[in-house]
Amino acid sequence: MAQFDRITFDPNILGGQACIRGMRISVSLVVNLIANGMSFAEIVAEYPDLTPDDIRQALRYAAWTAGDVTFTPHQVAA
């Protein structure tokens, strides 16, 4: 999943939802903001830890998951 290096999954952050770079900002939130008409600039102003590249990758990830492919993260034993 190297093409989605900004998308992270952690069971301790938002219950393991797809998030941006380990932050408590989910991919679904970003997609929802875009779907409701916010521009990249408006999103970055509201969430200054995000970058336009984060937003683009969140949209690409959402499109990829909508393509009937599901990624299920597995914990690796330490």
C-alpha atoms as a PDB file:
ATOM      1  CA  MET A   1       0.000   0.000   0.000  1.00  0.00           C
ATOM      2  CA  ALA A   2       2.948   2.289  -0.649  1.00  0.00           C
ATOM      3  CA  GLN A   3       0.783   4.482  -2.842  1.00  0.00           C
ATOM      4  CA  PHE A   4      -1.123   5.415   0.341  1.00  0.00           C
ATOM      5  CA  ASP A   5       1.779   6.270   2.629  1.00  0.00           C
ATOM      6  CA  ARG A   6      -0.219   9.055   4.328  1.00  0.00           C
ATOM      7  CA  ILE A   7      -3.136   6.774   5.224  1.00  0.00           C
ATOM      8  CA  THR A   8      -2.715   5.024   8.572  1.00  0.00           C
ATOM      9  CA  PHE A   9      -4.691   2.569  10.675  1.00  0.00           C
ATOM     10  CA  ASP A  10      -4.319   2.323  14.430  1.00  0.00           C
ATOM     11  CA  PRO A  11      -6.848   0.559  16.664  1.00  0.00           C
ATOM     12  CA  ASN A  12      -6.118   3.204  19.325  1.00  0.00           C
ATOM     13  CA  ILE A  13      -6.981   6.119  17.024  1.00  0.00           C
ATOM     14  CA  LEU A  14     -10.637   6.476  15.994  1.00  0.00           C
ATOM     15  CA  GLY A  15     -11.126   2.728  16.436  1.00  0.00           C
ATOM     16  CA  GLY A  16      -8.797   1.841  13.574  1.00  0.00           C
ATOM     17  CA  GLN A  17     -10.501   3.965  10.916  1.00  0.00           C
ATOM     18  CA  ALA A  18      -8.405   5.120   7.984  1.00  0.00           C
ATOM     19  CA  CYS A  19      -6.742   8.340   9.186  1.00  0.00           C
ATOM     20  CA  ILE A  20      -4.319  10.887   7.828  1.00  0.00           C
ATOM     21  CA  ARG A  21      -0.739  10.371   9.075  1.00  0.00           C
ATOM     22  CA  GLY A  22      -1.774   8.967  12.454  1.00  0.00           C
ATOM     23  CA  MET A  23      -3.801  12.032  13.365  1.00  0.00           C
ATOM     24  CA  ARG A  24      -7.374  11.983  14.589  1.00  0.00           C
ATOM     25  CA  ILE A  25      -8.482  13.208  11.166  1.00  0.00           C
ATOM     26  CA  SER A  26     -10.225  10.425   9.283  1.00  0.00           C
ATOM     27  CA  VAL A  27     -10.315   9.889   5.555  1.00  0.00           C
ATOM     28  CA  SER A  28     -14.111   9.884   5.793  1.00  0.00           C
ATOM     29  CA  LEU A  29     -14.086  13.356   7.390  1.00  0.00           C
ATOM     30  CA  VAL A  30     -11.921  14.755   4.595  1.00  0.00           C
ATOM     31  CA  VAL A  31     -14.100  13.163   1.900  1.00  0.00           C
ATOM     32  CA  ASN A  32     -17.227  14.481   3.625  1.00  0.00           C
ATOM     33  CA  LEU A  33     -15.806  18.024   3.713  1.00  0.00           C
ATOM     34  CA  ILE A  34     -15.018  17.889  -0.017  1.00  0.00           C
ATOM     35  CA  ALA A  35     -18.430  16.381  -0.788  1.00  0.00           C
ATOM     36  CA  ASN A  36     -20.061  19.259   1.059  1.00  0.00           C
ATOM     37  CA  GLY A  37     -18.278  21.886  -0.989  1.00  0.00           C
ATOM     38  CA  MET A  38     -15.207  22.851   1.010  1.00  0.00           C
ATOM     39  CA  SER A  39     -12.132  23.705  -1.004  1.00  0.00           C
ATOM     40  CA  PHE A  40      -8.667  22.383  -0.231  1.00  0.00           C
ATOM     41  CA  ALA A  41      -7.741  25.844   1.096  1.00  0.00           C
ATOM     42  CA  GLU A  42     -10.757  25.935   3.397  1.00  0.00           C
ATOM     43  CA  ILE A  43      -9.989  22.456   4.750  1.00  0.00           C
ATOM     44  CA  VAL A  44      -6.340  23.339   5.403  1.00  0.00           C
ATOM     45  CA  ALA A  45      -7.453  26.561   7.136  1.00  0.00           C
ATOM     46  CA  GLU A  46      -9.814  24.545   9.368  1.00  0.00           C
ATOM     47  CA  TYR A  47      -7.309  21.699   9.921  1.00  0.00           C
ATOM     48  CA  PRO A  48      -3.839  23.311   9.672  1.00  0.00           C
ATOM     49  CA  ASP A  49      -2.052  19.993  10.261  1.00  0.00           C
ATOM     50  CA  LEU A  50      -3.357  18.784   6.878  1.00  0.00           C
ATOM     51  CA  THR A  51      -1.656  19.504   3.579  1.00  0.00           C
ATOM     52  CA  PRO A  52      -3.149  19.515   0.091  1.00  0.00           C
ATOM     53  CA  ASP A  53      -1.221  16.263  -0.534  1.00  0.00           C
ATOM     54  CA  ASP A  54      -2.981  14.684   2.464  1.00  0.00           C
ATOM     55  CA  ILE A  55      -6.350  15.668   1.006  1.00  0.00           C
ATOM     56  CA  ARG A  56      -5.485  14.340  -2.458  1.00  0.00           C
ATOM     57  CA  GLN A  57      -4.337  11.040  -1.021  1.00  0.00           C
ATOM     58  CA  ALA A  58      -7.488  10.741   1.119  1.00  0.00           C
ATOM     59  CA  LEU A  59      -9.586  11.198  -2.024  1.00  0.00           C
ATOM     60  CA  ARG A  60      -7.493   8.666  -3.955  1.00  0.00           C
ATOM     61  CA  TYR A  61      -7.799   6.178  -1.084  1.00  0.00           C
ATOM     62  CA  ALA A  62     -11.577   6.669  -0.942  1.00  0.00           C
ATOM     63  CA  ALA A  63     -11.842   6.114  -4.703  1.00  0.00           C
ATOM     64  CA  TRP A  64      -9.666   2.999  -4.418  1.00  0.00           C
ATOM     65  CA  THR A  65     -11.819   1.524  -1.643  1.00  0.00           C
ATOM     66  CA  ALA A  66     -14.966   2.234  -3.636  1.00  0.00           C
ATOM     67  CA  GLY A  67     -13.549   0.021  -6.388  1.00  0.00           C
ATOM     68  CA  ASP A  68     -14.736  -3.136  -4.574  1.00  0.00           C
ATOM     69  CA  VAL A  69     -11.324  -3.666  -3.001  1.00  0.00           C
ATOM     70  CA  THR A  70     -11.179  -3.773   0.765  1.00  0.00           C
ATOM     71  CA  PHE A  71      -8.001  -3.389   2.779  1.00  0.00           C
ATOM     72  CA  THR A  72      -8.108  -5.060   6.175  1.00  0.00           C
ATOM     73  CA  PRO A  73      -5.102  -4.229   8.316  1.00  0.00           C
ATOM     74  CA  HIS A  74      -3.656  -7.085  10.324  1.00  0.00           C
ATOM     75  CA  GLN A  75      -1.652  -6.681  13.485  1.00  0.00           C
ATOM     76  CA  VAL A  76       1.819  -8.105  13.274  1.00  0.00           C
ATOM     77  CA  ALA A  77       3.086  -9.898  16.342  1.00  0.00           C
ATOM     78  CA  ALA A  78       6.038  -8.150  17.904  1.00  0.00           C
END
